[in-house]
Amino acid sequence: MLTLLLYVLIVGLVAAVLFLLAGAVFGRSEELGPLPEGTTATVLPVDGISGADVRSLRFQQVVRGYKAGEVDWALARLAARIDELQGQLTQAKAAQAPATTPPQPQPPVGPDPR
């Protein structure tokens, strides 16, 4: 019985030493704490989003794919920017339209031929 107890203690001591040694060599594999709610590590510039910014987007992968919150945030920002650019384009076209359309012929002013 004493031999079995010594065996268990020695195996436990060897396991503890190996665990501490592996922890010292490889680190404790601590991950950073979770980001606060509503924030993301995904980065887009505040103004002037370009195609290069979109191409450089990287989303944090989780067990079942990407974090849906980060993808939704990036897509909402891009959609807002696209809407803004389309509005600017519409305004620019509207401003150019009166200048480029030919003048409409005016009806003759004079006595009524009846």
N, C-alpha and C. Protein backbone atom coordinates (compact mmCIF):
# COMPACT_ATOMS: atom_id res chain seq x y z
N MET A 1 0.81 -1.18 0.00
CA MET A 1 0.00 0.00 0.00
C MET A 1 0.86 1.26 0.00
N LEU A 2 1.94 1.22 0.78
CA LEU A 2 2.85 2.36 0.85
C LEU A 2 3.54 2.57 -0.49
N THR A 3 3.83 1.49 -1.19
CA THR A 3 4.46 1.60 -2.50
C THR A 3 3.52 2.29 -3.49
N LEU A 4 2.25 1.96 -3.45
CA LEU A 4 1.28 2.58 -4.34
C LEU A 4 1.15 4.07 -4.04
N LEU A 5 1.14 4.44 -2.78
CA LEU A 5 1.05 5.84 -2.39
C LEU A 5 2.28 6.61 -2.86
N LEU A 6 3.46 6.02 -2.69
CA LEU A 6 4.70 6.66 -3.16
C LEU A 6 4.69 6.80 -4.69
N TYR A 7 4.19 5.80 -5.36
CA TYR A 7 4.12 5.85 -6.82
C TYR A 7 3.21 7.00 -7.27
N VAL A 8 2.06 7.14 -6.68
CA VAL A 8 1.12 8.21 -7.03
C VAL A 8 1.74 9.57 -6.73
N LEU A 9 2.39 9.72 -5.60
CA LEU A 9 3.03 10.99 -5.24
C LEU A 9 4.16 11.35 -6.21
N ILE A 10 4.96 10.36 -6.59
CA ILE A 10 6.07 10.62 -7.51
C ILE A 10 5.52 10.99 -8.90
N VAL A 11 4.51 10.29 -9.38
CA VAL A 11 3.91 10.60 -10.67
C VAL A 11 3.32 12.02 -10.63
N GLY A 12 2.65 12.37 -9.55
CA GLY A 12 2.09 13.72 -9.40
C GLY A 12 3.18 14.78 -9.37
N LEU A 13 4.28 14.49 -8.68
CA LEU A 13 5.40 15.44 -8.60
C LEU A 13 6.06 15.61 -9.97
N VAL A 14 6.26 14.52 -10.70
CA VAL A 14 6.84 14.61 -12.05
C VAL A 14 5.91 15.38 -12.97
N ALA A 15 4.60 15.15 -12.89
CA ALA A 15 3.65 15.87 -13.73
C ALA A 15 3.67 17.37 -13.40
N ALA A 16 3.74 17.71 -12.13
CA ALA A 16 3.78 19.12 -11.74
C ALA A 16 5.05 19.79 -12.24
N VAL A 17 6.19 19.10 -12.14
CA VAL A 17 7.45 19.67 -12.62
C VAL A 17 7.40 19.86 -14.14
N LEU A 18 6.89 18.86 -14.87
CA LEU A 18 6.78 18.99 -16.32
C LEU A 18 5.82 20.13 -16.70
N PHE A 19 4.73 20.29 -15.98
CA PHE A 19 3.79 21.36 -16.26
C PHE A 19 4.46 22.72 -16.03
N LEU A 20 5.17 22.88 -14.92
CA LEU A 20 5.85 24.15 -14.66
C LEU A 20 6.95 24.42 -15.68
N LEU A 21 7.69 23.40 -16.08
CA LEU A 21 8.73 23.55 -17.07
C LEU A 21 8.14 23.95 -18.43
N ALA A 22 7.07 23.29 -18.85
CA ALA A 22 6.42 23.63 -20.11
C ALA A 22 5.85 25.05 -20.05
N GLY A 23 5.30 25.44 -18.91
CA GLY A 23 4.78 26.79 -18.76
C GLY A 23 5.88 27.83 -18.84
N ALA A 24 7.04 27.53 -18.30
CA ALA A 24 8.16 28.47 -18.36
C ALA A 24 8.74 28.56 -19.77
N VAL A 25 8.80 27.46 -20.48
CA VAL A 25 9.39 27.44 -21.81
C VAL A 25 8.44 28.02 -22.86
N PHE A 26 7.20 27.59 -22.85
CA PHE A 26 6.25 27.97 -23.89
C PHE A 26 5.29 29.09 -23.48
N GLY A 27 5.39 29.57 -22.31
CA GLY A 27 4.47 30.60 -21.84
C GLY A 27 3.18 29.96 -21.37
N ARG A 28 2.32 30.80 -20.83
CA ARG A 28 1.08 30.26 -20.29
C ARG A 28 -0.07 30.32 -21.29
N SER A 29 0.22 30.69 -22.50
CA SER A 29 -0.79 30.77 -23.56
C SER A 29 -1.98 31.62 -23.15
N GLU A 30 -1.68 32.70 -22.45
CA GLU A 30 -2.76 33.59 -22.05
C GLU A 30 -3.17 34.43 -23.25
N GLU A 31 -4.44 34.50 -23.48
CA GLU A 31 -4.96 35.36 -24.52
C GLU A 31 -5.31 36.69 -23.88
N LEU A 32 -5.37 37.71 -24.72
CA LEU A 32 -5.81 39.00 -24.21
C LEU A 32 -7.26 38.88 -23.78
N GLY A 33 -7.63 39.70 -22.85
CA GLY A 33 -9.00 39.69 -22.39
C GLY A 33 -9.93 40.11 -23.51
N PRO A 34 -11.21 39.80 -23.39
CA PRO A 34 -12.14 40.19 -24.43
C PRO A 34 -12.25 41.71 -24.53
N LEU A 35 -12.51 42.18 -25.73
CA LEU A 35 -12.70 43.61 -25.93
C LEU A 35 -13.99 44.06 -25.28
N PRO A 36 -14.04 45.30 -24.85
CA PRO A 36 -15.31 45.79 -24.29
C PRO A 36 -16.44 45.69 -25.30
N GLU A 37 -17.64 45.55 -24.80
CA GLU A 37 -18.82 45.42 -25.67
C GLU A 37 -18.95 46.62 -26.59
N GLY A 38 -19.20 46.37 -27.86
CA GLY A 38 -19.38 47.45 -28.82
C GLY A 38 -18.10 47.94 -29.46
N THR A 39 -16.95 47.35 -29.14
CA THR A 39 -15.69 47.74 -29.77
C THR A 39 -15.16 46.58 -30.59
N THR A 40 -14.19 46.88 -31.43
CA THR A 40 -13.63 45.86 -32.30
C THR A 40 -12.17 46.18 -32.57
N ALA A 41 -11.42 45.15 -32.92
CA ALA A 41 -10.03 45.35 -33.31
C ALA A 41 -9.91 45.60 -34.81
N THR A 42 -11.01 45.47 -35.52
CA THR A 42 -11.03 45.74 -36.95
C THR A 42 -10.89 47.23 -37.17
N VAL A 43 -10.01 47.63 -38.10
CA VAL A 43 -9.70 49.05 -38.27
C VAL A 43 -10.11 49.52 -39.67
N LEU A 44 -10.84 50.63 -39.70
CA LEU A 44 -11.15 51.35 -40.93
C LEU A 44 -10.92 52.83 -40.63
N PRO A 45 -10.43 53.61 -41.59
CA PRO A 45 -10.25 55.04 -41.31
C PRO A 45 -11.59 55.72 -41.10
N VAL A 46 -11.57 56.81 -40.34
CA VAL A 46 -12.80 57.54 -40.05
C VAL A 46 -13.37 58.16 -41.31
N ASP A 47 -12.53 58.78 -42.13
CA ASP A 47 -12.97 59.40 -43.38
C ASP A 47 -12.18 58.83 -44.54
N GLY A 48 -12.75 58.90 -45.71
CA GLY A 48 -12.02 58.54 -46.93
C GLY A 48 -11.72 57.06 -47.04
N ILE A 49 -12.73 56.22 -46.86
CA ILE A 49 -12.52 54.78 -47.02
C ILE A 49 -12.25 54.49 -48.49
N SER A 50 -11.18 53.75 -48.74
CA SER A 50 -10.82 53.43 -50.12
C SER A 50 -10.90 51.92 -50.33
N GLY A 51 -10.75 51.53 -51.58
CA GLY A 51 -10.74 50.10 -51.89
C GLY A 51 -9.61 49.36 -51.20
N ALA A 52 -8.48 50.03 -51.04
CA ALA A 52 -7.34 49.39 -50.36
C ALA A 52 -7.68 49.12 -48.90
N ASP A 53 -8.45 50.03 -48.29
CA ASP A 53 -8.86 49.81 -46.90
C ASP A 53 -9.75 48.58 -46.78
N VAL A 54 -10.64 48.44 -47.73
CA VAL A 54 -11.54 47.28 -47.71
C VAL A 54 -10.75 46.00 -47.94
N ARG A 55 -9.82 46.05 -48.89
CA ARG A 55 -9.02 44.85 -49.17
C ARG A 55 -8.13 44.45 -47.99
N SER A 56 -7.75 45.41 -47.16
CA SER A 56 -6.87 45.09 -46.04
C SER A 56 -7.62 44.71 -44.77
N LEU A 57 -8.95 44.69 -44.83
CA LEU A 57 -9.73 44.33 -43.64
C LEU A 57 -9.43 42.90 -43.22
N ARG A 58 -9.29 42.71 -41.94
CA ARG A 58 -9.11 41.38 -41.37
C ARG A 58 -10.05 41.26 -40.19
N PHE A 59 -10.76 40.15 -40.12
CA PHE A 59 -11.70 39.92 -39.04
C PHE A 59 -11.17 38.81 -38.15
N GLN A 60 -11.45 38.94 -36.86
CA GLN A 60 -11.03 37.92 -35.91
C GLN A 60 -11.84 36.66 -36.14
N GLN A 61 -11.15 35.55 -36.24
CA GLN A 61 -11.85 34.28 -36.45
C GLN A 61 -12.19 33.67 -35.10
N VAL A 62 -13.39 33.15 -35.01
CA VAL A 62 -13.83 32.44 -33.83
C VAL A 62 -14.15 31.02 -34.26
N VAL A 63 -14.62 30.20 -33.33
CA VAL A 63 -14.80 28.78 -33.60
C VAL A 63 -15.66 28.53 -34.84
N ARG A 64 -16.72 29.30 -35.00
CA ARG A 64 -17.62 29.04 -36.13
C ARG A 64 -17.46 30.04 -37.25
N GLY A 65 -16.29 30.64 -37.41
CA GLY A 65 -16.06 31.58 -38.51
C GLY A 65 -15.59 32.92 -37.99
N TYR A 66 -16.10 34.00 -38.57
CA TYR A 66 -15.72 35.34 -38.15
C TYR A 66 -16.71 35.85 -37.13
N LYS A 67 -16.28 36.85 -36.35
CA LYS A 67 -17.19 37.46 -35.40
C LYS A 67 -18.22 38.26 -36.17
N ALA A 68 -19.45 37.89 -36.02
CA ALA A 68 -20.53 38.53 -36.77
C ALA A 68 -20.60 40.02 -36.48
N GLY A 69 -20.33 40.42 -35.26
CA GLY A 69 -20.38 41.83 -34.90
C GLY A 69 -19.37 42.66 -35.67
N GLU A 70 -18.17 42.13 -35.84
CA GLU A 70 -17.13 42.85 -36.59
C GLU A 70 -17.50 42.96 -38.07
N VAL A 71 -18.00 41.89 -38.63
CA VAL A 71 -18.37 41.90 -40.05
C VAL A 71 -19.53 42.87 -40.26
N ASP A 72 -20.53 42.82 -39.37
CA ASP A 72 -21.67 43.73 -39.49
C ASP A 72 -21.23 45.18 -39.38
N TRP A 73 -20.30 45.46 -38.45
CA TRP A 73 -19.81 46.83 -38.28
C TRP A 73 -19.11 47.32 -39.54
N ALA A 74 -18.23 46.50 -40.09
CA ALA A 74 -17.50 46.91 -41.30
C ALA A 74 -18.45 47.10 -42.48
N LEU A 75 -19.40 46.21 -42.63
CA LEU A 75 -20.34 46.33 -43.73
C LEU A 75 -21.23 47.56 -43.56
N ALA A 76 -21.62 47.88 -42.35
CA ALA A 76 -22.43 49.08 -42.12
C ALA A 76 -21.64 50.34 -42.47
N ARG A 77 -20.35 50.37 -42.09
CA ARG A 77 -19.51 51.52 -42.43
C ARG A 77 -19.36 51.66 -43.93
N LEU A 78 -19.12 50.56 -44.61
CA LEU A 78 -18.96 50.60 -46.06
C LEU A 78 -20.26 50.99 -46.75
N ALA A 79 -21.38 50.49 -46.26
CA ALA A 79 -22.66 50.84 -46.86
C ALA A 79 -22.94 52.33 -46.67
N ALA A 80 -22.61 52.87 -45.50
CA ALA A 80 -22.82 54.30 -45.27
C ALA A 80 -21.94 55.13 -46.19
N ARG A 81 -20.71 54.70 -46.38
CA ARG A 81 -19.80 55.44 -47.27
C ARG A 81 -20.29 55.38 -48.71
N ILE A 82 -20.75 54.23 -49.14
CA ILE A 82 -21.27 54.10 -50.50
C ILE A 82 -22.48 55.00 -50.69
N ASP A 83 -23.38 55.01 -49.69
CA ASP A 83 -24.55 55.89 -49.77
C ASP A 83 -24.13 57.35 -49.85
N GLU A 84 -23.13 57.72 -49.07
CA GLU A 84 -22.62 59.09 -49.09
C GLU A 84 -22.06 59.45 -50.46
N LEU A 85 -21.28 58.56 -51.04
CA LEU A 85 -20.69 58.82 -52.35
C LEU A 85 -21.77 58.88 -53.44
N GLN A 86 -22.76 58.03 -53.34
CA GLN A 86 -23.84 58.07 -54.33
C GLN A 86 -24.62 59.37 -54.22
N GLY A 87 -24.83 59.84 -53.00
CA GLY A 87 -25.50 61.13 -52.81
C GLY A 87 -24.70 62.27 -53.40
N GLN A 88 -23.39 62.25 -53.20
CA GLN A 88 -22.53 63.29 -53.77
C GLN A 88 -22.55 63.23 -55.30
N LEU A 89 -22.56 62.03 -55.84
CA LEU A 89 -22.61 61.88 -57.30
C LEU A 89 -23.92 62.41 -57.86
N THR A 90 -25.01 62.12 -57.18
CA THR A 90 -26.32 62.62 -57.62
C THR A 90 -26.36 64.14 -57.57
N GLN A 91 -25.81 64.73 -56.51
CA GLN A 91 -25.76 66.19 -56.40
C GLN A 91 -24.91 66.80 -57.50
N ALA A 92 -23.77 66.17 -57.79
CA ALA A 92 -22.89 66.69 -58.83
C ALA A 92 -23.56 66.61 -60.20
N LYS A 93 -24.26 65.52 -60.47
CA LYS A 93 -24.97 65.39 -61.73
C LYS A 93 -26.10 66.40 -61.83
N ALA A 94 -26.80 66.65 -60.73
CA ALA A 94 -27.89 67.63 -60.73
C ALA A 94 -27.35 69.04 -60.95
N ALA A 95 -26.18 69.32 -60.40
CA ALA A 95 -25.59 70.65 -60.59
C ALA A 95 -25.13 70.85 -62.03
N GLN A 96 -24.70 69.80 -62.70
CA GLN A 96 -24.23 69.90 -64.08
C GLN A 96 -25.39 69.88 -65.07
N ALA A 97 -26.49 69.29 -64.72
CA ALA A 97 -27.60 69.11 -65.66
C ALA A 97 -28.11 70.43 -66.23
N PRO A 98 -28.41 71.47 -65.45
CA PRO A 98 -28.89 72.72 -66.07
C PRO A 98 -27.85 73.38 -66.95
N ALA A 99 -26.60 73.24 -66.65
CA ALA A 99 -25.56 73.89 -67.45
C ALA A 99 -25.35 73.19 -68.79
N THR A 100 -25.62 71.91 -68.87
CA THR A 100 -25.33 71.17 -70.10
C THR A 100 -26.55 70.96 -70.98
N THR A 101 -27.77 71.20 -70.46
CA THR A 101 -28.94 70.99 -71.30
C THR A 101 -29.15 72.20 -72.20
N PRO A 102 -29.52 71.98 -73.46
CA PRO A 102 -29.75 73.12 -74.36
C PRO A 102 -30.98 73.89 -73.91
N PRO A 103 -30.99 75.18 -74.16
CA PRO A 103 -32.16 75.96 -73.76
C PRO A 103 -33.40 75.53 -74.54
N GLN A 104 -34.53 75.56 -73.86
CA GLN A 104 -35.80 75.17 -74.48
C GLN A 104 -36.31 76.33 -75.32
N PRO A 105 -36.82 76.04 -76.51
CA PRO A 105 -37.37 77.13 -77.34
C PRO A 105 -38.59 77.76 -76.65
N GLN A 106 -38.65 79.08 -76.68
CA GLN A 106 -39.75 79.80 -76.07
C GLN A 106 -40.85 80.00 -77.13
N PRO A 107 -42.09 79.91 -76.72
CA PRO A 107 -43.16 80.15 -77.69
C PRO A 107 -43.15 81.63 -78.09
N PRO A 108 -43.50 81.93 -79.33
CA PRO A 108 -43.47 83.33 -79.77
C PRO A 108 -44.47 84.17 -78.98
N VAL A 109 -44.03 85.36 -78.69
CA VAL A 109 -44.89 86.29 -77.97
C VAL A 109 -45.44 87.28 -79.00
N GLY A 110 -46.69 87.41 -79.02
CA GLY A 110 -47.31 88.33 -79.97
C GLY A 110 -48.80 88.16 -80.00
N PRO A 111 -49.46 88.81 -80.98
CA PRO A 111 -50.92 88.68 -81.05
C PRO A 111 -51.32 87.26 -81.40
N ASP A 112 -52.41 86.87 -80.88
CA ASP A 112 -52.95 85.55 -81.16
C ASP A 112 -53.47 85.53 -82.59
N PRO A 113 -52.98 84.57 -83.45
CA PRO A 113 -53.36 84.57 -84.85
C PRO A 113 -54.80 84.21 -85.10
N ARG A 114 -55.63 84.00 -84.19
CA ARG A 114 -57.03 83.63 -84.42
C ARG A 114 -57.79 84.76 -84.85
